[in-house]
Every structure is written in structure tokens, then in C-alpha cells.
Amino acid sequence: MSGREATLSGQNGVTFSRRIAPRPDAPADVLRTLGNDDDIGVAEPVLKLSPRLAETDLVNIVSAKGQGHLRAISERSELG
């Protein structure tokens, strides 16, 4: 596990994800990393709220992850 992954796990990851998800200036690569996290608690805020994830990002995440990630994406106010 890399240092970045370690810092994004658990409650710290959830807290960070909730704070960064709605920011229009958040780095897209960080948002993709959070959105792809196996822990749905970390991924969910980004998948639901981030205006920076592109439609291709969302499709890639759905293809790679499970139902929890799909449900979170389906709850976005805007798709693509």
C-alpha cells in the first residue's frame, strides 16, 4: 500500500472525501482516486457530489467497482 492510499483509508479518508468532493477546484486526479476507493464511505461523497468527475470517469468507476459505487453515482444531481 502506498503512502497516499494509507492516508486516504478509514475515517481520515471519509472526512477528506466529504470536504473535497463539492469543491470545483479540487484536483481531478485526487477525486478519481477517492472515487475508485474500495471503501464506499470514502468514494461515495465524491461520486455523489463532485462536479469535476467527467462522464468517462464515472463509466470507468462503474465498470471497475460494485453496486455501492453504482448507487452513489445514480444519486448524483447531474450525470455527465
PDB file of N, CA and C in Angstrom:
ATOM      1  N   MET A   1       0.840  -1.177   0.000  1.00  0.00           N
ATOM      2  CA  MET A   1       0.000   0.000   0.000  1.00  0.00           C
ATOM      3  C   MET A   1       0.888   1.243   0.000  1.00  0.00           C
ATOM      4  N   SER A   2       0.579   2.176  -0.859  1.00  0.00           N
ATOM      5  CA  SER A   2       1.384   3.392  -0.929  1.00  0.00           C
ATOM      6  C   SER A   2       1.012   4.350   0.197  1.00  0.00           C
ATOM      7  N   GLY A   3       1.843   5.328   0.422  1.00  0.00           N
ATOM      8  CA  GLY A   3       1.572   6.314   1.449  1.00  0.00           C
ATOM      9  C   GLY A   3       0.280   7.072   1.208  1.00  0.00           C
ATOM     10  N   ARG A   4       0.025   7.402  -0.049  1.00  0.00           N
ATOM     11  CA  ARG A   4      -1.200   8.132  -0.377  1.00  0.00           C
ATOM     12  C   ARG A   4      -2.423   7.292  -0.041  1.00  0.00           C
ATOM     13  N   GLU A   5      -2.413   6.016  -0.415  1.00  0.00           N
ATOM     14  CA  GLU A   5      -3.537   5.145  -0.109  1.00  0.00           C
ATOM     15  C   GLU A   5      -3.732   5.014   1.394  1.00  0.00           C
ATOM     16  N   ALA A   6      -2.632   4.920   2.116  1.00  0.00           N
ATOM     17  CA  ALA A   6      -2.729   4.779   3.565  1.00  0.00           C
ATOM     18  C   ALA A   6      -3.370   6.013   4.196  1.00  0.00           C
ATOM     19  N   THR A   7      -3.075   7.196   3.668  1.00  0.00           N
ATOM     20  CA  THR A   7      -3.627   8.409   4.255  1.00  0.00           C
ATOM     21  C   THR A   7      -5.096   8.594   3.885  1.00  0.00           C
ATOM     22  N   LEU A   8      -5.570   7.897   2.885  1.00  0.00           N
ATOM     23  CA  LEU A   8      -6.949   8.046   2.450  1.00  0.00           C
ATOM     24  C   LEU A   8      -7.874   6.983   3.024  1.00  0.00           C
ATOM     25  N   SER A   9      -7.358   6.073   3.824  1.00  0.00           N
ATOM     26  CA  SER A   9      -8.187   4.996   4.335  1.00  0.00           C
ATOM     27  C   SER A   9      -8.876   5.387   5.631  1.00  0.00           C
ATOM     28  N   GLY A  10      -9.902   4.648   5.962  1.00  0.00           N
ATOM     29  CA  GLY A  10     -10.587   4.826   7.229  1.00  0.00           C
ATOM     30  C   GLY A  10     -11.279   6.167   7.365  1.00  0.00           C
ATOM     31  N   GLN A  11     -11.455   6.583   8.604  1.00  0.00           N
ATOM     32  CA  GLN A  11     -12.184   7.813   8.898  1.00  0.00           C
ATOM     33  C   GLN A  11     -11.511   9.048   8.315  1.00  0.00           C
ATOM     34  N   ASN A  12     -10.180   9.056   8.243  1.00  0.00           N
ATOM     35  CA  ASN A  12      -9.486  10.197   7.629  1.00  0.00           C
ATOM     36  C   ASN A  12      -9.868  10.337   6.167  1.00  0.00           C
ATOM     37  N   GLY A  13      -9.968   9.219   5.469  1.00  0.00           N
ATOM     38  CA  GLY A  13     -10.355   9.236   4.066  1.00  0.00           C
ATOM     39  C   GLY A  13     -11.779   9.722   3.876  1.00  0.00           C
ATOM     40  N   VAL A  14     -12.667   9.280   4.743  1.00  0.00           N
ATOM     41  CA  VAL A  14     -14.064   9.706   4.671  1.00  0.00           C
ATOM     42  C   VAL A  14     -14.166  11.208   4.899  1.00  0.00           C
ATOM     43  N   THR A  15     -13.500  11.692   5.915  1.00  0.00           N
ATOM     44  CA  THR A  15     -13.530  13.127   6.238  1.00  0.00           C
ATOM     45  C   THR A  15     -12.958  13.955   5.088  1.00  0.00           C
ATOM     46  N   PHE A  16     -11.810  13.534   4.568  1.00  0.00           N
ATOM     47  CA  PHE A  16     -11.189  14.253   3.458  1.00  0.00           C
ATOM     48  C   PHE A  16     -12.100  14.247   2.235  1.00  0.00           C
ATOM     49  N   SER A  17     -12.679  13.102   1.936  1.00  0.00           N
ATOM     50  CA  SER A  17     -13.557  12.968   0.777  1.00  0.00           C
ATOM     51  C   SER A  17     -14.762  13.893   0.884  1.00  0.00           C
ATOM     52  N   ARG A  18     -15.357  13.960   2.050  1.00  0.00           N
ATOM     53  CA  ARG A  18     -16.525  14.833   2.250  1.00  0.00           C
ATOM     54  C   ARG A  18     -16.163  16.305   2.068  1.00  0.00           C
ATOM     55  N   ARG A  19     -14.960  16.663   2.465  1.00  0.00           N
ATOM     56  CA  ARG A  19     -14.544  18.071   2.352  1.00  0.00           C
ATOM     57  C   ARG A  19     -14.192  18.467   0.917  1.00  0.00           C
ATOM     58  N   ILE A  20     -13.544  17.569   0.204  1.00  0.00           N
ATOM     59  CA  ILE A  20     -13.047  17.925  -1.127  1.00  0.00           C
ATOM     60  C   ILE A  20     -14.084  17.693  -2.233  1.00  0.00           C
ATOM     61  N   ALA A  21     -15.015  16.785  -2.014  1.00  0.00           N
ATOM     62  CA  ALA A  21     -15.959  16.384  -3.066  1.00  0.00           C
ATOM     63  C   ALA A  21     -16.667  17.546  -3.764  1.00  0.00           C
ATOM     64  N   PRO A  22     -17.251  18.488  -3.046  1.00  0.00           N
ATOM     65  CA  PRO A  22     -18.012  19.539  -3.739  1.00  0.00           C
ATOM     66  C   PRO A  22     -17.177  20.683  -4.311  1.00  0.00           C
ATOM     67  N   ARG A  23     -15.891  20.666  -4.070  1.00  0.00           N
ATOM     68  CA  ARG A  23     -15.041  21.793  -4.490  1.00  0.00           C
ATOM     69  C   ARG A  23     -14.815  21.788  -6.006  1.00  0.00           C
ATOM     70  N   PRO A  24     -15.145  22.877  -6.672  1.00  0.00           N
ATOM     71  CA  PRO A  24     -14.930  22.944  -8.120  1.00  0.00           C
ATOM     72  C   PRO A  24     -13.461  23.057  -8.509  1.00  0.00           C
ATOM     73  N   ASP A  25     -12.598  23.358  -7.541  1.00  0.00           N
ATOM     74  CA  ASP A  25     -11.171  23.494  -7.823  1.00  0.00           C
ATOM     75  C   ASP A  25     -10.357  22.288  -7.341  1.00  0.00           C
ATOM     76  N   ALA A  26     -11.033  21.232  -6.921  1.00  0.00           N
ATOM     77  CA  ALA A  26     -10.335  20.035  -6.439  1.00  0.00           C
ATOM     78  C   ALA A  26      -9.589  19.360  -7.587  1.00  0.00           C
ATOM     79  N   PRO A  27      -8.399  18.842  -7.330  1.00  0.00           N
ATOM     80  CA  PRO A  27      -7.634  18.164  -8.385  1.00  0.00           C
ATOM     81  C   PRO A  27      -8.366  16.906  -8.869  1.00  0.00           C
ATOM     82  N   ALA A  28      -8.561  16.816 -10.168  1.00  0.00           N
ATOM     83  CA  ALA A  28      -9.310  15.695 -10.745  1.00  0.00           C
ATOM     84  C   ALA A  28      -8.659  14.347 -10.434  1.00  0.00           C
ATOM     85  N   ASP A  29      -7.333  14.291 -10.408  1.00  0.00           N
ATOM     86  CA  ASP A  29      -6.679  13.004 -10.133  1.00  0.00           C
ATOM     87  C   ASP A  29      -6.946  12.533  -8.704  1.00  0.00           C
ATOM     88  N   VAL A  30      -7.014  13.464  -7.771  1.00  0.00           N
ATOM     89  CA  VAL A  30      -7.334  13.114  -6.384  1.00  0.00           C
ATOM     90  C   VAL A  30      -8.777  12.630  -6.300  1.00  0.00           C
ATOM     91  N   LEU A  31      -9.669  13.301  -6.995  1.00  0.00           N
ATOM     92  CA  LEU A  31     -11.070  12.892  -6.997  1.00  0.00           C
ATOM     93  C   LEU A  31     -11.254  11.514  -7.618  1.00  0.00           C
ATOM     94  N   ARG A  32     -10.530  11.227  -8.689  1.00  0.00           N
ATOM     95  CA  ARG A  32     -10.609   9.890  -9.297  1.00  0.00           C
ATOM     96  C   ARG A  32     -10.115   8.826  -8.330  1.00  0.00           C
ATOM     97  N   THR A  33      -9.034   9.128  -7.618  1.00  0.00           N
ATOM     98  CA  THR A  33      -8.506   8.185  -6.629  1.00  0.00           C
ATOM     99  C   THR A  33      -9.539   7.924  -5.538  1.00  0.00           C
ATOM    100  N   LEU A  34     -10.143   8.968  -5.029  1.00  0.00           N
ATOM    101  CA  LEU A  34     -11.163   8.814  -3.994  1.00  0.00           C
ATOM    102  C   LEU A  34     -12.385   8.071  -4.526  1.00  0.00           C
ATOM    103  N   GLY A  35     -12.819   8.410  -5.713  1.00  0.00           N
ATOM    104  CA  GLY A  35     -13.987   7.758  -6.315  1.00  0.00           C
ATOM    105  C   GLY A  35     -13.780   6.286  -6.582  1.00  0.00           C
ATOM    106  N   ASN A  36     -12.544   5.888  -6.775  1.00  0.00           N
ATOM    107  CA  ASN A  36     -12.206   4.481  -7.020  1.00  0.00           C
ATOM    108  C   ASN A  36     -11.861   3.722  -5.750  1.00  0.00           C
ATOM    109  N   ASP A  37     -11.917   4.377  -4.614  1.00  0.00           N
ATOM    110  CA  ASP A  37     -11.575   3.707  -3.363  1.00  0.00           C
ATOM    111  C   ASP A  37     -12.529   2.537  -3.123  1.00  0.00           C
ATOM    112  N   ASP A  38     -11.993   1.414  -2.655  1.00  0.00           N
ATOM    113  CA  ASP A  38     -12.824   0.246  -2.360  1.00  0.00           C
ATOM    114  C   ASP A  38     -13.784   0.501  -1.214  1.00  0.00           C
ATOM    115  N   ASP A  39     -13.428   1.422  -0.324  1.00  0.00           N
ATOM    116  CA  ASP A  39     -14.284   1.783   0.807  1.00  0.00           C
ATOM    117  C   ASP A  39     -15.351   2.750   0.297  1.00  0.00           C
ATOM    118  N   ILE A  40     -16.587   2.291   0.229  1.00  0.00           N
ATOM    119  CA  ILE A  40     -17.653   3.142  -0.306  1.00  0.00           C
ATOM    120  C   ILE A  40     -17.851   4.392   0.546  1.00  0.00           C
ATOM    121  N   GLY A  41     -17.499   4.331   1.809  1.00  0.00           N
ATOM    122  CA  GLY A  41     -17.585   5.521   2.657  1.00  0.00           C
ATOM    123  C   GLY A  41     -16.667   6.632   2.183  1.00  0.00           C
ATOM    124  N   VAL A  42     -15.529   6.267   1.625  1.00  0.00           N
ATOM    125  CA  VAL A  42     -14.586   7.231   1.062  1.00  0.00           C
ATOM    126  C   VAL A  42     -15.058   7.665  -0.329  1.00  0.00           C
ATOM    127  N   ALA A  43     -15.479   6.722  -1.137  1.00  0.00           N
ATOM    128  CA  ALA A  43     -15.845   7.007  -2.527  1.00  0.00           C
ATOM    129  C   ALA A  43     -17.164   7.760  -2.672  1.00  0.00           C
ATOM    130  N   GLU A  44     -18.113   7.453  -1.826  1.00  0.00           N
ATOM    131  CA  GLU A  44     -19.479   7.960  -2.006  1.00  0.00           C
ATOM    132  C   GLU A  44     -19.607   9.480  -2.095  1.00  0.00           C
ATOM    133  N   PRO A  45     -19.024  10.263  -1.195  1.00  0.00           N
ATOM    134  CA  PRO A  45     -19.189  11.720  -1.319  1.00  0.00           C
ATOM    135  C   PRO A  45     -18.703  12.262  -2.664  1.00  0.00           C
ATOM    136  N   VAL A  46     -17.598  11.736  -3.142  1.00  0.00           N
ATOM    137  CA  VAL A  46     -17.055  12.182  -4.427  1.00  0.00           C
ATOM    138  C   VAL A  46     -17.965  11.761  -5.570  1.00  0.00           C
ATOM    139  N   LEU A  47     -18.431  10.531  -5.524  1.00  0.00           N
ATOM    140  CA  LEU A  47     -19.285  10.034  -6.602  1.00  0.00           C
ATOM    141  C   LEU A  47     -20.617  10.770  -6.660  1.00  0.00           C
ATOM    142  N   LYS A  48     -21.128  11.180  -5.531  1.00  0.00           N
ATOM    143  CA  LYS A  48     -22.397  11.895  -5.489  1.00  0.00           C
ATOM    144  C   LYS A  48     -22.256  13.381  -5.804  1.00  0.00           C
ATOM    145  N   LEU A  49     -21.174  13.992  -5.349  1.00  0.00           N
ATOM    146  CA  LEU A  49     -21.119  15.453  -5.305  1.00  0.00           C
ATOM    147  C   LEU A  49     -20.100  16.139  -6.208  1.00  0.00           C
ATOM    148  N   SER A  50     -19.086  15.427  -6.671  1.00  0.00           N
ATOM    149  CA  SER A  50     -18.006  16.117  -7.362  1.00  0.00           C
ATOM    150  C   SER A  50     -18.405  16.604  -8.749  1.00  0.00           C
ATOM    151  N   PRO A  51     -18.281  17.914  -8.973  1.00  0.00           N
ATOM    152  CA  PRO A  51     -18.541  18.444 -10.314  1.00  0.00           C
ATOM    153  C   PRO A  51     -17.363  18.227 -11.262  1.00  0.00           C
ATOM    154  N   ARG A  52     -16.247  17.739 -10.734  1.00  0.00           N
ATOM    155  CA  ARG A  52     -15.022  17.603 -11.532  1.00  0.00           C
ATOM    156  C   ARG A  52     -14.870  16.236 -12.198  1.00  0.00           C
ATOM    157  N   LEU A  53     -15.662  15.246 -11.789  1.00  0.00           N
ATOM    158  CA  LEU A  53     -15.548  13.940 -12.427  1.00  0.00           C
ATOM    159  C   LEU A  53     -16.273  13.977 -13.770  1.00  0.00           C
ATOM    160  N   ALA A  54     -15.577  13.554 -14.805  1.00  0.00           N
ATOM    161  CA  ALA A  54     -16.158  13.519 -16.143  1.00  0.00           C
ATOM    162  C   ALA A  54     -17.002  12.255 -16.312  1.00  0.00           C
ATOM    163  N   GLU A  55     -17.837  12.263 -17.318  1.00  0.00           N
ATOM    164  CA  GLU A  55     -18.665  11.085 -17.610  1.00  0.00           C
ATOM    165  C   GLU A  55     -17.792   9.847 -17.805  1.00  0.00           C
ATOM    166  N   THR A  56     -16.652  10.008 -18.465  1.00  0.00           N
ATOM    167  CA  THR A  56     -15.766   8.855 -18.664  1.00  0.00           C
ATOM    168  C   THR A  56     -15.210   8.343 -17.335  1.00  0.00           C
ATOM    169  N   ASP A  57     -14.945   9.230 -16.392  1.00  0.00           N
ATOM    170  CA  ASP A  57     -14.503   8.810 -15.059  1.00  0.00           C
ATOM    171  C   ASP A  57     -15.576   7.952 -14.407  1.00  0.00           C
ATOM    172  N   LEU A  58     -16.806   8.407 -14.476  1.00  0.00           N
ATOM    173  CA  LEU A  58     -17.913   7.685 -13.845  1.00  0.00           C
ATOM    174  C   LEU A  58     -18.125   6.316 -14.488  1.00  0.00           C
ATOM    175  N   VAL A  59     -18.048   6.269 -15.802  1.00  0.00           N
ATOM    176  CA  VAL A  59     -18.203   4.986 -16.514  1.00  0.00           C
ATOM    177  C   VAL A  59     -17.084   4.029 -16.113  1.00  0.00           C
ATOM    178  N   ASN A  60     -15.866   4.527 -16.033  1.00  0.00           N
ATOM    179  CA  ASN A  60     -14.736   3.680 -15.643  1.00  0.00           C
ATOM    180  C   ASN A  60     -14.898   3.151 -14.221  1.00  0.00           C
ATOM    181  N   ILE A  61     -15.390   3.984 -13.332  1.00  0.00           N
ATOM    182  CA  ILE A  61     -15.593   3.565 -11.946  1.00  0.00           C
ATOM    183  C   ILE A  61     -16.685   2.502 -11.866  1.00  0.00           C
ATOM    184  N   VAL A  62     -17.794   2.722 -12.562  1.00  0.00           N
ATOM    185  CA  VAL A  62     -18.877   1.729 -12.565  1.00  0.00           C
ATOM    186  C   VAL A  62     -18.388   0.403 -13.112  1.00  0.00           C
ATOM    187  N   SER A  63     -17.561   0.447 -14.137  1.00  0.00           N
ATOM    188  CA  SER A  63     -17.047  -0.788 -14.743  1.00  0.00           C
ATOM    189  C   SER A  63     -16.136  -1.559 -13.803  1.00  0.00           C
ATOM    190  N   ALA A  64     -15.444  -0.839 -12.926  1.00  0.00           N
ATOM    191  CA  ALA A  64     -14.443  -1.477 -12.065  1.00  0.00           C
ATOM    192  C   ALA A  64     -14.952  -1.803 -10.659  1.00  0.00           C
ATOM    193  N   LYS A  65     -16.012  -1.165 -10.229  1.00  0.00           N
ATOM    194  CA  LYS A  65     -16.452  -1.282  -8.835  1.00  0.00           C
ATOM    195  C   LYS A  65     -17.822  -1.933  -8.739  1.00  0.00           C
ATOM    196  N   GLY A  66     -18.327  -2.030  -7.530  1.00  0.00           N
ATOM    197  CA  GLY A  66     -19.571  -2.752  -7.285  1.00  0.00           C
ATOM    198  C   GLY A  66     -20.809  -1.881  -7.225  1.00  0.00           C
ATOM    199  N   GLN A  67     -21.851  -2.484  -6.690  1.00  0.00           N
ATOM    200  CA  GLN A  67     -23.161  -1.851  -6.631  1.00  0.00           C
ATOM    201  C   GLN A  67     -23.183  -0.586  -5.775  1.00  0.00           C
ATOM    202  N   GLY A  68     -22.392  -0.553  -4.718  1.00  0.00           N
ATOM    203  CA  GLY A  68     -22.360   0.641  -3.873  1.00  0.00           C
ATOM    204  C   GLY A  68     -21.910   1.864  -4.650  1.00  0.00           C
ATOM    205  N   HIS A  69     -20.906   1.691  -5.486  1.00  0.00           N
ATOM    206  CA  HIS A  69     -20.398   2.793  -6.304  1.00  0.00           C
ATOM    207  C   HIS A  69     -21.447   3.200  -7.346  1.00  0.00           C
ATOM    208  N   LEU A  70     -22.100   2.217  -7.942  1.00  0.00           N
ATOM    209  CA  LEU A  70     -23.146   2.493  -8.928  1.00  0.00           C
ATOM    210  C   LEU A  70     -24.301   3.250  -8.278  1.00  0.00           C
ATOM    211  N   ARG A  71     -24.708   2.839  -7.092  1.00  0.00           N
ATOM    212  CA  ARG A  71     -25.792   3.517  -6.381  1.00  0.00           C
ATOM    213  C   ARG A  71     -25.425   4.980  -6.105  1.00  0.00           C
ATOM    214  N   ALA A  72     -24.200   5.207  -5.634  1.00  0.00           N
ATOM    215  CA  ALA A  72     -23.764   6.576  -5.345  1.00  0.00           C
ATOM    216  C   ALA A  72     -23.796   7.443  -6.603  1.00  0.00           C
ATOM    217  N   ILE A  73     -23.340   6.920  -7.711  1.00  0.00           N
ATOM    218  CA  ILE A  73     -23.351   7.662  -8.970  1.00  0.00           C
ATOM    219  C   ILE A  73     -24.787   7.944  -9.404  1.00  0.00           C
ATOM    220  N   SER A  74     -25.674   6.987  -9.190  1.00  0.00           N
ATOM    221  CA  SER A  74     -27.077   7.178  -9.594  1.00  0.00           C
ATOM    222  C   SER A  74     -27.764   8.266  -8.778  1.00  0.00           C
ATOM    223  N   GLU A  75     -27.186   8.629  -7.639  1.00  0.00           N
ATOM    224  CA  GLU A  75     -27.761   9.666  -6.790  1.00  0.00           C
ATOM    225  C   GLU A  75     -27.191  11.070  -7.077  1.00  0.00           C
ATOM    226  N   ARG A  76     -26.384  11.184  -8.111  1.00  0.00           N
ATOM    227  CA  ARG A  76     -25.867  12.499  -8.492  1.00  0.00           C
ATOM    228  C   ARG A  76     -27.002  13.376  -8.976  1.00  0.00           C
ATOM    229  N   SER A  77     -26.888  14.677  -8.738  1.00  0.00           N
ATOM    230  CA  SER A  77     -27.932  15.589  -9.226  1.00  0.00           C
ATOM    231  C   SER A  77     -27.847  15.757 -10.741  1.00  0.00           C
ATOM    232  N   GLU A  78     -26.626  15.598 -11.274  1.00  0.00           N
ATOM    233  CA  GLU A  78     -26.429  15.667 -12.730  1.00  0.00           C
ATOM    234  C   GLU A  78     -25.525  14.531 -13.139  1.00  0.00           C
ATOM    235  N   LEU A  79     -25.864  13.864 -14.215  1.00  0.00           N
ATOM    236  CA  LEU A  79     -24.994  12.833 -14.765  1.00  0.00           C
ATOM    237  C   LEU A  79     -24.378  13.351 -16.045  1.00  0.00           C
ATOM    238  N   GLY A  80     -23.026  13.243 -16.129  1.00  0.00           N
ATOM    239  CA  GLY A  80     -22.311  13.661 -17.337  1.00  0.00           C
ATOM    240  C   GLY A  80     -22.547  15.077 -17.593  1.00  0.00           C
TER     241      GLY A  80
END
